[in-house]
């Protein structure tokens, strides 16, 4: 079956959504804190650790279609 959506590797990071972990006082001042970004093509990127397998059974049913991922 053909996938209807694929990652666009040419998309750039347009703006951070929300405050950084450092701004929230929840950072160890290193680069392993998650962030959420809007891309210049309208997609959203979550930068962090992949927790899909750990949380798969708890994800809402309507959160994806076979390719659901969870990040933190």
PDB file of N, CA and C in Angstrom:
ATOM      1  N   UNK A   1       0.837  -1.169   0.000  1.00  0.00           N
ATOM      2  CA  UNK A   1       0.000   0.000   0.000  1.00  0.00           C
ATOM      3  C   UNK A   1       0.895   1.251   0.000  1.00  0.00           C
ATOM      4  N   UNK A   2       0.547   2.221  -0.817  1.00  0.00           N
ATOM      5  CA  UNK A   2       1.292   3.467  -0.896  1.00  0.00           C
ATOM      6  C   UNK A   2       1.027   4.323   0.336  1.00  0.00           C
ATOM      7  N   UNK A   3       2.081   4.903   0.888  1.00  0.00           N
ATOM      8  CA  UNK A   3       1.920   5.813   2.016  1.00  0.00           C
ATOM      9  C   UNK A   3       1.485   7.166   1.499  1.00  0.00           C
ATOM     10  N   UNK A   4       0.527   7.785   2.170  1.00  0.00           N
ATOM     11  CA  UNK A   4       0.017   9.081   1.728  1.00  0.00           C
ATOM     12  C   UNK A   4       0.868  10.247   2.193  1.00  0.00           C
ATOM     13  N   UNK A   5       1.678  10.031   3.201  1.00  0.00           N
ATOM     14  CA  UNK A   5       2.530  11.099   3.717  1.00  0.00           C
ATOM     15  C   UNK A   5       3.938  10.574   3.939  1.00  0.00           C
ATOM     16  N   UNK A   6       4.908  11.342   3.539  1.00  0.00           N
ATOM     17  CA  UNK A   6       6.314  11.021   3.776  1.00  0.00           C
ATOM     18  C   UNK A   6       6.998  12.270   4.307  1.00  0.00           C
ATOM     19  N   UNK A   7       8.049  12.079   5.051  1.00  0.00           N
ATOM     20  CA  UNK A   7       8.848  13.189   5.548  1.00  0.00           C
ATOM     21  C   UNK A   7       9.459  13.931   4.375  1.00  0.00           C
ATOM     22  N   UNK A   8       9.421  15.257   4.423  1.00  0.00           N
ATOM     23  CA  UNK A   8      10.082  16.078   3.408  1.00  0.00           C
ATOM     24  C   UNK A   8      11.431  16.511   3.967  1.00  0.00           C
ATOM     25  N   UNK A   9      12.515  15.847   3.566  1.00  0.00           N
ATOM     26  CA  UNK A   9      13.826  16.165   4.139  1.00  0.00           C
ATOM     27  C   UNK A   9      14.337  17.554   3.779  1.00  0.00           C
ATOM     28  N   UNK A  10      13.690  18.229   2.839  1.00  0.00           N
ATOM     29  CA  UNK A  10      14.121  19.580   2.484  1.00  0.00           C
ATOM     30  C   UNK A  10      13.437  20.647   3.326  1.00  0.00           C
ATOM     31  N   UNK A  11      12.457  20.271   4.151  1.00  0.00           N
ATOM     32  CA  UNK A  11      11.742  21.238   4.979  1.00  0.00           C
ATOM     33  C   UNK A  11      12.682  21.813   6.035  1.00  0.00           C
ATOM     34  N   UNK A  12      12.560  23.111   6.248  1.00  0.00           N
ATOM     35  CA  UNK A  12      13.371  23.783   7.262  1.00  0.00           C
ATOM     36  C   UNK A  12      12.575  24.035   8.525  1.00  0.00           C
ATOM     37  N   UNK A  13      13.269  24.316   9.611  1.00  0.00           N
ATOM     38  CA  UNK A  13      12.628  24.617  10.883  1.00  0.00           C
ATOM     39  C   UNK A  13      12.213  26.085  10.871  1.00  0.00           C
ATOM     40  N   UNK A  14      10.901  26.347  10.988  1.00  0.00           N
ATOM     41  CA  UNK A  14      10.388  27.708  10.913  1.00  0.00           C
ATOM     42  C   UNK A  14      10.341  28.376  12.287  1.00  0.00           C
ATOM     43  N   UNK A  15       9.750  27.692  13.272  1.00  0.00           N
ATOM     44  CA  UNK A  15       9.660  28.292  14.607  1.00  0.00           C
ATOM     45  C   UNK A  15       9.407  27.221  15.655  1.00  0.00           C
ATOM     46  N   UNK A  16       9.914  27.467  16.835  1.00  0.00           N
ATOM     47  CA  UNK A  16       9.699  26.580  17.976  1.00  0.00           C
ATOM     48  C   UNK A  16       8.280  26.817  18.492  1.00  0.00           C
ATOM     49  N   UNK A  17       7.582  25.756  18.835  1.00  0.00           N
ATOM     50  CA  UNK A  17       6.251  25.856  19.421  1.00  0.00           C
ATOM     51  C   UNK A  17       6.395  25.676  20.933  1.00  0.00           C
ATOM     52  N   UNK A  18       6.036  26.668  21.677  1.00  0.00           N
ATOM     53  CA  UNK A  18       6.181  26.617  23.127  1.00  0.00           C
ATOM     54  C   UNK A  18       7.550  27.087  23.571  1.00  0.00           C
ATOM     55  N   UNK A  19       7.748  27.031  24.874  1.00  0.00           N
ATOM     56  CA  UNK A  19       9.007  27.474  25.454  1.00  0.00           C
ATOM     57  C   UNK A  19       9.992  26.312  25.544  1.00  0.00           C
ATOM     58  N   UNK A  20      11.260  26.641  25.591  1.00  0.00           N
ATOM     59  CA  UNK A  20      12.286  25.616  25.713  1.00  0.00           C
ATOM     60  C   UNK A  20      12.268  25.049  27.129  1.00  0.00           C
ATOM     61  N   UNK A  21      12.876  23.891  27.296  1.00  0.00           N
ATOM     62  CA  UNK A  21      12.985  23.292  28.626  1.00  0.00           C
ATOM     63  C   UNK A  21      13.775  24.206  29.555  1.00  0.00           C
ATOM     64  N   UNK A  22      14.773  24.880  29.033  1.00  0.00           N
ATOM     65  CA  UNK A  22      15.555  25.806  29.852  1.00  0.00           C
ATOM     66  C   UNK A  22      14.683  26.965  30.341  1.00  0.00           C
ATOM     67  N   UNK A  23      13.815  27.493  29.468  1.00  0.00           N
ATOM     68  CA  UNK A  23      12.911  28.575  29.859  1.00  0.00           C
ATOM     69  C   UNK A  23      11.915  28.128  30.926  1.00  0.00           C
ATOM     70  N   UNK A  24      11.582  26.847  30.928  1.00  0.00           N
ATOM     71  CA  UNK A  24      10.650  26.301  31.912  1.00  0.00           C
ATOM     72  C   UNK A  24      11.354  25.851  33.193  1.00  0.00           C
ATOM     73  N   UNK A  25      12.672  25.970  33.226  1.00  0.00           N
ATOM     74  CA  UNK A  25      13.439  25.530  34.391  1.00  0.00           C
ATOM     75  C   UNK A  25      13.532  24.025  34.502  1.00  0.00           C
ATOM     76  N   UNK A  26      13.371  23.323  33.387  1.00  0.00           N
ATOM     77  CA  UNK A  26      13.372  21.862  33.384  1.00  0.00           C
ATOM     78  C   UNK A  26      14.501  21.307  32.532  1.00  0.00           C
ATOM     79  N   UNK A  27      15.635  21.982  32.535  1.00  0.00           N
ATOM     80  CA  UNK A  27      16.748  21.563  31.683  1.00  0.00           C
ATOM     81  C   UNK A  27      17.996  21.347  32.519  1.00  0.00           C
ATOM     82  N   UNK A  28      18.810  20.425  32.062  1.00  0.00           N
ATOM     83  CA  UNK A  28      20.119  20.208  32.674  1.00  0.00           C
ATOM     84  C   UNK A  28      21.184  20.947  31.870  1.00  0.00           C
ATOM     85  N   UNK A  29      20.756  21.922  31.068  1.00  0.00           N
ATOM     86  CA  UNK A  29      21.664  22.704  30.227  1.00  0.00           C
ATOM     87  C   UNK A  29      22.460  21.848  29.258  1.00  0.00           C
ATOM     88  N   UNK A  30      21.802  20.827  28.694  1.00  0.00           N
ATOM     89  CA  UNK A  30      22.434  20.052  27.632  1.00  0.00           C
ATOM     90  C   UNK A  30      21.427  19.899  26.506  1.00  0.00           C
ATOM     91  N   UNK A  31      21.758  19.130  25.502  1.00  0.00           N
ATOM     92  CA  UNK A  31      20.932  19.089  24.290  1.00  0.00           C
ATOM     93  C   UNK A  31      20.005  17.876  24.209  1.00  0.00           C
ATOM     94  N   UNK A  32      19.603  17.305  25.344  1.00  0.00           N
ATOM     95  CA  UNK A  32      18.736  16.129  25.255  1.00  0.00           C
ATOM     96  C   UNK A  32      17.282  16.413  25.640  1.00  0.00           C
ATOM     97  N   UNK A  33      16.907  17.669  25.699  1.00  0.00           N
ATOM     98  CA  UNK A  33      15.523  18.014  26.049  1.00  0.00           C
ATOM     99  C   UNK A  33      14.655  18.045  24.790  1.00  0.00           C
ATOM    100  N   UNK A  34      13.417  17.577  24.887  1.00  0.00           N
ATOM    101  CA  UNK A  34      12.551  17.558  23.709  1.00  0.00           C
ATOM    102  C   UNK A  34      12.107  18.963  23.296  1.00  0.00           C
ATOM    103  N   UNK A  35      11.847  19.114  22.022  1.00  0.00           N
ATOM    104  CA  UNK A  35      11.327  20.370  21.486  1.00  0.00           C
ATOM    105  C   UNK A  35      10.314  20.059  20.405  1.00  0.00           C
ATOM    106  N   UNK A  36       9.387  20.987  20.193  1.00  0.00           N
ATOM    107  CA  UNK A  36       8.375  20.862  19.141  1.00  0.00           C
ATOM    108  C   UNK A  36       8.551  22.051  18.205  1.00  0.00           C
ATOM    109  N   UNK A  37       8.636  21.748  16.912  1.00  0.00           N
ATOM    110  CA  UNK A  37       8.886  22.776  15.905  1.00  0.00           C
ATOM    111  C   UNK A  37       7.848  22.728  14.794  1.00  0.00           C
ATOM    112  N   UNK A  38       7.474  23.894  14.300  1.00  0.00           N
ATOM    113  CA  UNK A  38       6.711  23.988  13.054  1.00  0.00           C
ATOM    114  C   UNK A  38       7.728  24.096  11.932  1.00  0.00           C
ATOM    115  N   UNK A  39       7.541  23.291  10.891  1.00  0.00           N
ATOM    116  CA  UNK A  39       8.434  23.332   9.740  1.00  0.00           C
ATOM    117  C   UNK A  39       7.911  24.319   8.712  1.00  0.00           C
ATOM    118  N   UNK A  40       8.761  24.742   7.814  1.00  0.00           N
ATOM    119  CA  UNK A  40       8.346  25.748   6.836  1.00  0.00           C
ATOM    120  C   UNK A  40       7.346  25.229   5.812  1.00  0.00           C
ATOM    121  N   UNK A  41       7.078  23.919   5.814  1.00  0.00           N
ATOM    122  CA  UNK A  41       6.054  23.378   4.920  1.00  0.00           C
ATOM    123  C   UNK A  41       4.738  23.104   5.658  1.00  0.00           C
ATOM    124  N   UNK A  42       4.656  23.507   6.941  1.00  0.00           N
ATOM    125  CA  UNK A  42       3.437  23.315   7.723  1.00  0.00           C
ATOM    126  C   UNK A  42       3.430  22.063   8.578  1.00  0.00           C
ATOM    127  N   UNK A  43       4.346  21.133   8.346  1.00  0.00           N
ATOM    128  CA  UNK A  43       4.443  19.944   9.190  1.00  0.00           C
ATOM    129  C   UNK A  43       4.962  20.328  10.568  1.00  0.00           C
ATOM    130  N   UNK A  44       4.845  19.415  11.505  1.00  0.00           N
ATOM    131  CA  UNK A  44       5.350  19.614  12.858  1.00  0.00           C
ATOM    132  C   UNK A  44       6.369  18.527  13.144  1.00  0.00           C
ATOM    133  N   UNK A  45       7.487  18.915  13.748  1.00  0.00           N
ATOM    134  CA  UNK A  45       8.540  17.968  14.116  1.00  0.00           C
ATOM    135  C   UNK A  45       8.695  17.965  15.627  1.00  0.00           C
ATOM    136  N   UNK A  46       8.774  16.768  16.190  1.00  0.00           N
ATOM    137  CA  UNK A  46       9.065  16.612  17.613  1.00  0.00           C
ATOM    138  C   UNK A  46      10.470  16.050  17.710  1.00  0.00           C
ATOM    139  N   UNK A  47      11.339  16.774  18.379  1.00  0.00           N
ATOM    140  CA  UNK A  47      12.725  16.373  18.541  1.00  0.00           C
ATOM    141  C   UNK A  47      12.874  15.836  19.958  1.00  0.00           C
ATOM    142  N   UNK A  48      13.274  14.583  20.073  1.00  0.00           N
ATOM    143  CA  UNK A  48      13.415  13.985  21.397  1.00  0.00           C
ATOM    144  C   UNK A  48      13.724  12.507  21.287  1.00  0.00           C
ATOM    145  N   UNK A  49      13.484  11.791  22.365  1.00  0.00           N
ATOM    146  CA  UNK A  49      13.734  10.353  22.381  1.00  0.00           C
ATOM    147  C   UNK A  49      12.492   9.605  21.924  1.00  0.00           C
ATOM    148  N   UNK A  50      12.660   8.610  21.086  1.00  0.00           N
ATOM    149  CA  UNK A  50      11.549   7.805  20.580  1.00  0.00           C
ATOM    150  C   UNK A  50      11.065   6.865  21.680  1.00  0.00           C
ATOM    151  N   UNK A  51       9.797   7.024  22.066  1.00  0.00           N
ATOM    152  CA  UNK A  51       9.206   6.184  23.110  1.00  0.00           C
ATOM    153  C   UNK A  51       8.027   5.386  22.571  1.00  0.00           C
ATOM    154  N   UNK A  52       8.001   5.178  21.255  1.00  0.00           N
ATOM    155  CA  UNK A  52       6.863   4.521  20.614  1.00  0.00           C
ATOM    156  C   UNK A  52       6.576   3.152  21.210  1.00  0.00           C
ATOM    157  N   UNK A  53       7.559   2.291  21.277  1.00  0.00           N
ATOM    158  CA  UNK A  53       7.325   0.932  21.768  1.00  0.00           C
ATOM    159  C   UNK A  53       6.878   0.940  23.229  1.00  0.00           C
ATOM    160  N   UNK A  54       7.446   1.819  24.018  1.00  0.00           N
ATOM    161  CA  UNK A  54       7.091   1.908  25.431  1.00  0.00           C
ATOM    162  C   UNK A  54       5.640   2.343  25.633  1.00  0.00           C
ATOM    163  N   UNK A  55       5.138   3.225  24.776  1.00  0.00           N
ATOM    164  CA  UNK A  55       3.809   3.817  24.956  1.00  0.00           C
ATOM    165  C   UNK A  55       2.759   3.359  23.952  1.00  0.00           C
ATOM    166  N   UNK A  56       3.118   2.486  23.025  1.00  0.00           N
ATOM    167  CA  UNK A  56       2.211   2.120  21.932  1.00  0.00           C
ATOM    168  C   UNK A  56       0.822   1.710  22.424  1.00  0.00           C
ATOM    169  N   UNK A  57       0.727   0.905  23.457  1.00  0.00           N
ATOM    170  CA  UNK A  57      -0.574   0.429  23.954  1.00  0.00           C
ATOM    171  C   UNK A  57      -1.406   1.525  24.600  1.00  0.00           C
ATOM    172  N   UNK A  58      -0.796   2.657  24.924  1.00  0.00           N
ATOM    173  CA  UNK A  58      -1.507   3.739  25.592  1.00  0.00           C
ATOM    174  C   UNK A  58      -1.851   4.893  24.670  1.00  0.00           C
ATOM    175  N   UNK A  59      -1.370   4.866  23.422  1.00  0.00           N
ATOM    176  CA  UNK A  59      -1.669   5.956  22.491  1.00  0.00           C
ATOM    177  C   UNK A  59      -3.139   5.926  22.105  1.00  0.00           C
ATOM    178  N   UNK A  60      -3.775   7.101  21.952  1.00  0.00           N
ATOM    179  CA  UNK A  60      -5.180   7.142  21.523  1.00  0.00           C
ATOM    180  C   UNK A  60      -5.354   6.452  20.172  1.00  0.00           C
ATOM    181  N   UNK A  61      -6.475   5.791  19.985  1.00  0.00           N
ATOM    182  CA  UNK A  61      -6.725   5.064  18.731  1.00  0.00           C
ATOM    183  C   UNK A  61      -6.663   5.952  17.507  1.00  0.00           C
ATOM    184  N   UNK A  62      -7.093   7.200  17.637  1.00  0.00           N
ATOM    185  CA  UNK A  62      -7.125   8.101  16.478  1.00  0.00           C
ATOM    186  C   UNK A  62      -5.836   8.921  16.335  1.00  0.00           C
ATOM    187  N   UNK A  63      -4.758   8.507  17.008  1.00  0.00           N
ATOM    188  CA  UNK A  63      -3.529   9.290  16.958  1.00  0.00           C
ATOM    189  C   UNK A  63      -2.646   8.956  15.755  1.00  0.00           C
ATOM    190  N   UNK A  64      -3.004   7.974  14.979  1.00  0.00           N
ATOM    191  CA  UNK A  64      -2.219   7.654  13.794  1.00  0.00           C
ATOM    192  C   UNK A  64      -2.800   6.460  13.085  1.00  0.00           C
ATOM    193  N   UNK A  65      -2.189   6.126  11.974  1.00  0.00           N
ATOM    194  CA  UNK A  65      -2.698   5.014  11.186  1.00  0.00           C
ATOM    195  C   UNK A  65      -1.563   4.066  10.849  1.00  0.00           C
ATOM    196  N   UNK A  66      -1.196   3.232  11.804  1.00  0.00           N
ATOM    197  CA  UNK A  66      -0.167   2.232  11.557  1.00  0.00           C
ATOM    198  C   UNK A  66       1.246   2.737  11.731  1.00  0.00           C
ATOM    199  N   UNK A  67       1.443   4.020  11.750  1.00  0.00           N
ATOM    200  CA  UNK A  67       2.791   4.566  11.885  1.00  0.00           C
ATOM    201  C   UNK A  67       2.873   5.503  13.086  1.00  0.00           C
ATOM    202  N   UNK A  68       2.025   5.287  14.075  1.00  0.00           N
ATOM    203  CA  UNK A  68       1.962   6.162  15.237  1.00  0.00           C
ATOM    204  C   UNK A  68       3.267   6.091  16.026  1.00  0.00           C
ATOM    205  N   UNK A  69       3.760   7.241  16.404  1.00  0.00           N
ATOM    206  CA  UNK A  69       4.971   7.315  17.220  1.00  0.00           C
ATOM    207  C   UNK A  69       4.722   8.209  18.413  1.00  0.00           C
ATOM    208  N   UNK A  70       5.430   7.940  19.483  1.00  0.00           N
ATOM    209  CA  UNK A  70       5.382   8.775  20.676  1.00  0.00           C
ATOM    210  C   UNK A  70       6.787   9.225  20.998  1.00  0.00           C
ATOM    211  N   UNK A  71       6.939  10.503  21.314  1.00  0.00           N
ATOM    212  CA  UNK A  71       8.255  11.051  21.603  1.00  0.00           C
ATOM    213  C   UNK A  71       8.214  11.809  22.910  1.00  0.00           C
ATOM    214  N   UNK A  72       9.318  11.739  23.638  1.00  0.00           N
ATOM    215  CA  UNK A  72       9.483  12.616  24.802  1.00  0.00           C
ATOM    216  C   UNK A  72      10.924  12.917  25.014  1.00  0.00           C
TER     217      UNK A  72
END
